[in-house]
């Protein structure tokens, strides 16, 4: 830990504030860091806190065997479709906070990652995967449009159409080849990745970096949220989820 660093353990996330950087660790290893409503809210709060502290670098990583297994379907049958819709909306709002951050954002992914966990990885500017990492986005299996345009913007429409239509697994090497991962690095190299990302973040004055990120920010945020809401609000969401989980 660097001088002046502060640790905070929120139960679902671990947050470490260093000089110029905030490190956020998804901390539900027993659930493969699946995105419960509580974890999403804790991530939103952690990102907001990093912005309030004017961190130059925000790092997102996962404890345990993987980065994130995506949406946590546990107990979904007891939730209303409106409650499920709100949970998906909050995930999209988290993704947008990350994608439009004035800080440099770095995701460190390892293990098997799914759905909204892959979307969090894709929302970051720098995306480092371990050589054994794997990714799958099965949301369209239950009719959900989440992160689709963002993924296509990175890898291109043709690749996105092929991967998402088949909802297939792709590995770290393919992710790097298509530009979805910006670097492959073993877990023991992650500290060096963080150091390089911080160096890149500090290459510009914060105001200049914020202006650059604003200029590069997608202009489809409202359309992305609208697409998500339309897909999730289609009647029968729970039935579609049930069919997907039973497949």
Protein backbone atom coordinates (compact mmCIF):
# COMPACT_ATOMS: atom_id res chain seq x y z
CA UNK A 1 0.00 0.00 0.00
CA UNK A 2 1.33 3.41 -0.89
CA UNK A 3 1.81 6.22 1.60
CA UNK A 4 -1.47 7.85 2.51
CA UNK A 5 -3.54 4.87 1.33
CA UNK A 6 -6.79 4.07 3.08
CA UNK A 7 -8.67 0.77 3.15
CA UNK A 8 -12.40 0.34 3.57
CA UNK A 9 -14.23 -2.98 3.65
CA UNK A 10 -17.91 -2.58 2.83
CA UNK A 11 -18.72 -6.29 3.03
CA UNK A 12 -19.55 -6.61 -0.70
CA UNK A 13 -16.67 -4.54 -2.01
CA UNK A 14 -13.24 -3.69 -0.72
CA UNK A 15 -12.12 -0.15 -1.47
CA UNK A 16 -8.53 0.99 -1.19
CA UNK A 17 -7.77 4.67 -1.68
CA UNK A 18 -4.22 5.41 -2.71
CA UNK A 19 -2.69 8.66 -3.76
CA UNK A 20 -4.23 9.33 -7.21
CA UNK A 21 -5.96 5.93 -7.38
CA UNK A 22 -8.96 4.02 -6.06
CA UNK A 23 -8.90 0.20 -6.15
CA UNK A 24 -12.33 -1.45 -5.98
CA UNK A 25 -12.51 -5.21 -5.42
CA UNK A 26 -15.76 -7.13 -5.90
CA UNK A 27 -15.83 -9.25 -2.74
CA UNK A 28 -18.43 -12.02 -3.01
CA UNK A 29 -16.03 -14.84 -3.85
CA UNK A 30 -18.42 -17.48 -2.51
CA UNK A 31 -20.93 -16.34 -5.19
CA UNK A 32 -18.31 -15.78 -7.90
CA UNK A 33 -18.87 -12.04 -7.44
CA UNK A 34 -22.36 -12.29 -8.94
CA UNK A 35 -24.06 -8.90 -9.07
CA UNK A 36 -26.68 -8.84 -6.34
CA UNK A 37 -28.64 -5.63 -5.88
CA UNK A 38 -26.47 -4.85 -2.87
CA UNK A 39 -23.22 -5.38 -4.75
CA UNK A 40 -24.34 -3.12 -7.59
CA UNK A 41 -25.25 -0.36 -5.14
CA UNK A 42 -21.92 -0.80 -3.35
CA UNK A 43 -20.09 -0.49 -6.69
CA UNK A 44 -22.02 2.63 -7.63
CA UNK A 45 -21.19 4.16 -4.24
CA UNK A 46 -17.51 3.23 -4.61
CA UNK A 47 -17.26 4.76 -8.08
CA UNK A 48 -19.05 7.90 -6.89
CA UNK A 49 -16.66 8.12 -3.95
CA UNK A 50 -13.67 7.76 -6.28
CA UNK A 51 -15.02 10.59 -8.40
CA UNK A 52 -15.62 12.75 -5.32
CA UNK A 53 -12.00 12.18 -4.32
CA UNK A 54 -10.92 13.08 -7.88
CA UNK A 55 -9.02 9.85 -8.30
CA UNK A 56 -6.98 9.79 -11.47
CA UNK A 57 -7.27 6.00 -11.78
CA UNK A 58 -10.10 3.63 -10.85
CA UNK A 59 -9.28 -0.09 -10.80
CA UNK A 60 -11.97 -2.79 -10.77
CA UNK A 61 -11.05 -6.38 -9.93
CA UNK A 62 -12.60 -9.47 -8.36
CA UNK A 63 -11.77 -11.57 -5.32
CA UNK A 64 -11.63 -15.34 -5.59
CA UNK A 65 -11.87 -17.46 -8.72
CA UNK A 66 -13.09 -14.84 -11.19
CA UNK A 67 -13.94 -11.21 -11.85
CA UNK A 68 -17.73 -11.55 -11.97
CA UNK A 69 -20.36 -14.14 -12.85
CA UNK A 70 -22.79 -11.39 -13.87
CA UNK A 71 -26.36 -10.87 -12.71
CA UNK A 72 -27.22 -12.73 -9.51
CA UNK A 73 -30.41 -14.68 -10.23
CA UNK A 74 -30.70 -15.93 -6.65
CA UNK A 75 -34.25 -15.42 -5.37
CA UNK A 76 -35.48 -13.91 -8.64
CA UNK A 77 -38.77 -15.84 -8.40
CA UNK A 78 -39.64 -13.89 -5.24
CA UNK A 79 -39.00 -10.54 -6.94
CA UNK A 80 -41.49 -8.72 -9.12
CA UNK A 81 -40.69 -8.04 -12.75
CA UNK A 82 -40.59 -4.37 -11.81
CA UNK A 83 -37.95 -5.09 -9.17
CA UNK A 84 -35.89 -7.06 -11.70
CA UNK A 85 -36.22 -4.23 -14.22
CA UNK A 86 -34.91 -1.75 -11.65
CA UNK A 87 -31.93 -3.99 -10.93
CA UNK A 88 -31.02 -4.09 -14.61
CA UNK A 89 -31.43 -0.31 -14.86
CA UNK A 90 -29.06 0.19 -11.93
CA UNK A 91 -26.48 -2.03 -13.65
CA UNK A 92 -26.73 0.10 -16.81
CA UNK A 93 -26.32 3.23 -14.69
CA UNK A 94 -23.19 1.70 -13.15
CA UNK A 95 -21.84 0.90 -16.60
CA UNK A 96 -22.45 4.46 -17.74
CA UNK A 97 -20.67 5.91 -14.69
CA UNK A 98 -17.64 3.79 -15.54
CA UNK A 99 -17.75 4.43 -19.28
CA UNK A 100 -17.97 8.22 -18.85
CA UNK A 101 -15.57 8.51 -15.90
CA UNK A 102 -13.11 11.44 -15.93
CA UNK A 103 -10.62 9.00 -14.40
CA UNK A 104 -8.74 6.35 -16.33
CA UNK A 105 -10.57 3.08 -15.65
CA UNK A 106 -8.81 -0.29 -15.52
CA UNK A 107 -10.49 -3.69 -15.24
CA UNK A 108 -8.51 -6.78 -14.25
CA UNK A 109 -10.39 -9.95 -15.22
CA UNK A 110 -9.58 -13.56 -14.45
CA UNK A 111 -11.51 -16.82 -14.41
CA UNK A 112 -14.94 -17.38 -15.97
CA UNK A 113 -16.99 -14.22 -16.45
CA UNK A 114 -20.56 -13.80 -17.58
CA UNK A 115 -23.18 -11.25 -18.58
CA UNK A 116 -23.13 -7.99 -16.70
CA UNK A 117 -19.72 -8.85 -15.26
CA UNK A 118 -18.37 -8.89 -18.82
CA UNK A 119 -20.18 -5.59 -19.43
CA UNK A 120 -18.35 -3.99 -16.48
CA UNK A 121 -15.07 -5.18 -17.96
CA UNK A 122 -16.05 -3.72 -21.32
CA UNK A 123 -17.04 -0.36 -19.83
CA UNK A 124 -13.47 0.31 -18.68
CA UNK A 125 -10.94 2.09 -20.86
CA UNK A 126 -8.14 -0.39 -20.09
CA UNK A 127 -9.11 -4.05 -19.99
CA UNK A 128 -6.55 -6.60 -18.81
CA UNK A 129 -7.37 -10.31 -18.84
CA UNK A 130 -5.34 -13.21 -17.51
CA UNK A 131 -4.42 -15.74 -20.23
CA UNK A 132 -6.94 -18.25 -18.82
CA UNK A 133 -9.89 -15.88 -18.57
CA UNK A 134 -13.14 -16.59 -20.42
CA UNK A 135 -16.17 -14.46 -21.26
CA UNK A 136 -19.79 -15.08 -22.18
CA UNK A 137 -22.74 -12.70 -22.59
CA UNK A 138 -25.97 -14.73 -22.53
CA UNK A 139 -28.44 -11.87 -21.91
CA UNK A 140 -30.17 -12.21 -25.29
CA UNK A 141 -31.11 -15.76 -24.29
CA UNK A 142 -33.74 -14.14 -22.05
CA UNK A 143 -34.33 -11.13 -24.25
CA UNK A 144 -32.14 -8.60 -22.43
CA UNK A 145 -30.25 -5.88 -24.30
CA UNK A 146 -27.49 -4.75 -21.93
CA UNK A 147 -24.10 -3.44 -23.03
CA UNK A 148 -24.71 -4.57 -26.62
CA UNK A 149 -23.87 -1.29 -28.35
CA UNK A 150 -20.83 -0.76 -26.12
CA UNK A 151 -19.48 -4.21 -26.98
CA UNK A 152 -20.11 -3.68 -30.71
CA UNK A 153 -18.36 -0.32 -30.51
CA UNK A 154 -15.22 -2.08 -29.28
CA UNK A 155 -15.11 -5.22 -31.45
CA UNK A 156 -17.12 -4.13 -34.49
CA UNK A 157 -20.66 -5.00 -35.53
CA UNK A 158 -19.83 -8.20 -37.41
CA UNK A 159 -17.90 -9.76 -34.53
CA UNK A 160 -20.56 -8.62 -32.04
CA UNK A 161 -23.34 -10.09 -34.17
CA UNK A 162 -21.59 -13.46 -34.40
CA UNK A 163 -20.67 -13.67 -30.70
CA UNK A 164 -23.97 -12.37 -29.33
CA UNK A 165 -26.22 -14.30 -31.70
CA UNK A 166 -24.61 -17.54 -30.60
CA UNK A 167 -24.10 -16.28 -27.00
CA UNK A 168 -20.89 -18.24 -27.09
CA UNK A 169 -17.87 -18.29 -24.82
CA UNK A 170 -14.73 -16.53 -26.04
CA UNK A 171 -11.35 -16.77 -24.38
CA UNK A 172 -8.77 -14.15 -23.45
CA UNK A 173 -6.78 -14.61 -26.64
CA UNK A 174 -9.85 -13.98 -28.79
CA UNK A 175 -10.76 -11.02 -26.59
CA UNK A 176 -7.31 -9.55 -27.24
CA UNK A 177 -7.49 -10.27 -30.96
CA UNK A 178 -10.80 -8.43 -31.27
CA UNK A 179 -9.72 -5.54 -29.03
CA UNK A 180 -12.12 -6.40 -26.20
CA UNK A 181 -9.09 -6.97 -23.97
CA UNK A 182 -6.36 -4.37 -24.32
CA UNK A 183 -3.70 -6.58 -22.71
CA UNK A 184 -3.12 -10.09 -21.39
CA UNK A 185 -1.25 -10.36 -18.10
CA UNK A 186 -0.95 -13.02 -15.42
CA UNK A 187 -2.27 -12.20 -11.96
CA UNK A 188 1.23 -11.66 -10.60
CA UNK A 189 1.70 -8.91 -13.20
CA UNK A 190 -1.37 -6.94 -12.17
CA UNK A 191 0.49 -4.59 -9.85
CA UNK A 192 2.67 -3.61 -12.78
CA UNK A 193 -0.45 -3.11 -14.91
CA UNK A 194 -1.86 -0.77 -12.25
CA UNK A 195 1.41 1.18 -12.14
CA UNK A 196 1.42 1.61 -15.92
CA UNK A 197 -2.21 2.68 -15.94
CA UNK A 198 -1.54 5.27 -13.25
CA UNK A 199 1.42 6.59 -15.22
CA UNK A 200 -0.86 6.96 -18.25
CA UNK A 201 -3.53 8.65 -16.13
CA UNK A 202 -1.06 11.21 -14.82
CA UNK A 203 0.30 12.01 -18.28
CA UNK A 204 -2.44 14.64 -18.64
CA UNK A 205 -3.65 17.24 -16.18
CA UNK A 206 -7.00 16.16 -14.67
CA UNK A 207 -8.93 18.91 -16.48
CA UNK A 208 -7.41 18.00 -19.83
CA UNK A 209 -8.04 14.29 -19.26
CA UNK A 210 -11.66 14.99 -18.29
CA UNK A 211 -12.15 17.02 -21.47
CA UNK A 212 -10.66 14.22 -23.54
CA UNK A 213 -12.90 11.62 -21.94
CA UNK A 214 -15.94 13.83 -22.42
CA UNK A 215 -15.09 14.25 -26.10
CA UNK A 216 -14.68 10.48 -26.50
CA UNK A 217 -17.75 9.55 -24.43
CA UNK A 218 -20.52 7.77 -26.33
CA UNK A 219 -23.50 9.89 -27.31
CA UNK A 220 -25.88 6.93 -27.04
CA UNK A 221 -26.32 6.78 -23.26
CA UNK A 222 -30.03 7.57 -23.33
CA UNK A 223 -30.58 5.20 -26.24
CA UNK A 224 -28.71 2.42 -24.42
CA UNK A 225 -30.85 2.87 -21.32
CA UNK A 226 -34.02 2.99 -23.41
CA UNK A 227 -33.06 -0.23 -25.24
CA UNK A 228 -32.45 -1.97 -21.94
CA UNK A 229 -35.75 -0.81 -20.44
CA UNK A 230 -37.72 -1.85 -23.52
CA UNK A 231 -36.16 -5.31 -23.52
CA UNK A 232 -36.53 -5.89 -19.76
CA UNK A 233 -40.06 -4.42 -19.61
CA UNK A 234 -41.39 -6.84 -22.22
CA UNK A 235 -43.97 -8.96 -20.34
CA UNK A 236 -42.77 -12.40 -19.29
CA UNK A 237 -39.28 -11.49 -18.08
CA UNK A 238 -39.37 -14.02 -15.25
CA UNK A 239 -40.64 -16.72 -17.58
CA UNK A 240 -37.78 -16.01 -19.99
CA UNK A 241 -35.26 -16.14 -17.14
CA UNK A 242 -36.76 -19.40 -15.92
CA UNK A 243 -36.46 -20.91 -19.40
CA UNK A 244 -32.85 -19.71 -19.68
CA UNK A 245 -31.84 -21.12 -16.29
CA UNK A 246 -33.57 -24.40 -17.05
CA UNK A 247 -31.92 -24.79 -20.43
